[in-house]
């Protein structure tokens, strides 16, 4: 998401106050809203979900939960510079820390 300068707090509040309808869905593992680099033109954000399989993710995109979670997406278009671009990734390697915290 490319967010207009000065709209970062409003954008984050939209995400924090919405019902994502993710918890309890088959295959859902976790969600992160990531804030990235800031330029004079925009601040970059990414929504990142982790699923147990690609099939679980694709089932979510066709679900009523997905429709409910995204029903008001267009009402905040003043925050965005352009429509968000989807990029999907699959895990090819995982390394887990064995150090104790």
Protein backbone atom coordinates (compact mmCIF):
# COMPACT_ATOMS: atom_id res chain seq x y z
CA UNK A 1 0.00 0.00 0.00
CA UNK A 2 1.36 3.42 -0.94
CA UNK A 3 -0.05 5.78 1.68
CA UNK A 4 -0.20 9.53 1.22
CA UNK A 5 2.19 11.53 3.43
CA UNK A 6 0.52 12.49 6.71
CA UNK A 7 -2.11 9.72 6.44
CA UNK A 8 -0.09 6.97 8.13
CA UNK A 9 -1.86 7.17 11.51
CA UNK A 10 -5.30 7.15 9.85
CA UNK A 11 -4.31 4.15 7.70
CA UNK A 12 -3.02 2.21 10.72
CA UNK A 13 -6.17 3.04 12.68
CA UNK A 14 -8.35 1.65 9.87
CA UNK A 15 -6.49 -1.65 10.11
CA UNK A 16 -6.42 -1.75 13.92
CA UNK A 17 -10.14 -1.04 14.25
CA UNK A 18 -11.44 -3.40 11.55
CA UNK A 19 -12.62 -6.94 12.07
CA UNK A 20 -10.30 -9.02 9.89
CA UNK A 21 -12.46 -12.17 10.15
CA UNK A 22 -9.22 -14.19 10.10
CA UNK A 23 -9.10 -15.75 13.56
CA UNK A 24 -10.46 -19.27 13.52
CA UNK A 25 -10.33 -19.72 9.75
CA UNK A 26 -8.95 -23.08 8.63
CA UNK A 27 -5.25 -22.77 7.83
CA UNK A 28 -4.77 -19.22 9.15
CA UNK A 29 -1.56 -18.85 11.17
CA UNK A 30 -0.83 -15.11 11.70
CA UNK A 31 -1.17 -11.58 10.37
CA UNK A 32 1.20 -8.60 10.40
CA UNK A 33 0.72 -5.03 9.16
CA UNK A 34 4.18 -3.88 8.14
CA UNK A 35 5.33 -0.27 7.77
CA UNK A 36 8.14 0.15 5.27
CA UNK A 37 10.20 2.96 3.82
CA UNK A 38 8.95 6.53 3.73
CA UNK A 39 9.64 8.87 0.81
CA UNK A 40 8.38 12.35 0.00
CA UNK A 41 5.67 10.74 -2.14
CA UNK A 42 4.38 7.97 0.17
CA UNK A 43 4.92 5.56 3.04
CA UNK A 44 4.95 1.92 2.00
CA UNK A 45 2.88 -0.64 3.96
CA UNK A 46 2.30 -4.34 3.49
CA UNK A 47 -0.30 -6.65 4.98
CA UNK A 48 1.30 -10.03 5.58
CA UNK A 49 -0.65 -13.18 6.39
CA UNK A 50 0.78 -16.64 6.94
CA UNK A 51 -1.27 -19.70 6.01
CA UNK A 52 -0.64 -23.41 6.49
CA UNK A 53 -1.02 -23.97 2.74
CA UNK A 54 -1.71 -22.17 -0.51
CA UNK A 55 -5.05 -24.02 -0.67
CA UNK A 56 -6.05 -22.49 2.68
CA UNK A 57 -5.14 -19.01 1.43
CA UNK A 58 -7.06 -19.45 -1.81
CA UNK A 59 -10.11 -20.78 0.07
CA UNK A 60 -10.01 -17.64 2.24
CA UNK A 61 -10.01 -15.36 -0.82
CA UNK A 62 -13.24 -17.03 -1.96
CA UNK A 63 -14.90 -16.99 1.48
CA UNK A 64 -17.60 -14.86 3.06
CA UNK A 65 -15.02 -13.90 5.71
CA UNK A 66 -12.87 -12.33 2.97
CA UNK A 67 -15.87 -10.43 1.61
CA UNK A 68 -16.76 -9.16 5.10
CA UNK A 69 -13.18 -8.10 5.85
CA UNK A 70 -12.91 -6.10 2.64
CA UNK A 71 -16.44 -4.69 2.34
CA UNK A 72 -15.40 -1.12 3.29
CA UNK A 73 -12.02 -1.06 1.53
CA UNK A 74 -13.08 1.56 -1.01
CA UNK A 75 -14.31 4.00 1.63
CA UNK A 76 -10.72 4.89 2.59
CA UNK A 77 -9.38 5.55 -0.92
CA UNK A 78 -8.32 9.07 0.14
CA UNK A 79 -5.47 7.45 2.12
CA UNK A 80 -3.99 5.60 -0.87
CA UNK A 81 -2.01 6.85 -3.83
CA UNK A 82 -3.04 3.85 -5.92
CA UNK A 83 -4.77 0.49 -5.67
CA UNK A 84 -2.64 -1.97 -3.65
CA UNK A 85 -0.72 -4.59 -5.59
CA UNK A 86 -0.92 -8.23 -4.49
CA UNK A 87 2.33 -10.17 -4.23
CA UNK A 88 2.21 -13.76 -2.98
CA UNK A 89 5.18 -15.77 -1.75
CA UNK A 90 5.68 -19.39 -0.76
CA UNK A 91 8.18 -20.50 1.88
CA UNK A 92 11.14 -22.36 0.45
CA UNK A 93 13.30 -22.40 3.58
CA UNK A 94 12.75 -21.87 7.29
CA UNK A 95 15.34 -21.37 10.01
CA UNK A 96 14.17 -21.34 13.62
CA UNK A 97 16.24 -19.99 16.49
CA UNK A 98 17.46 -22.57 18.97
CA UNK A 99 18.84 -19.92 21.33
CA UNK A 100 16.98 -19.40 24.56
CA UNK A 101 15.54 -15.95 25.07
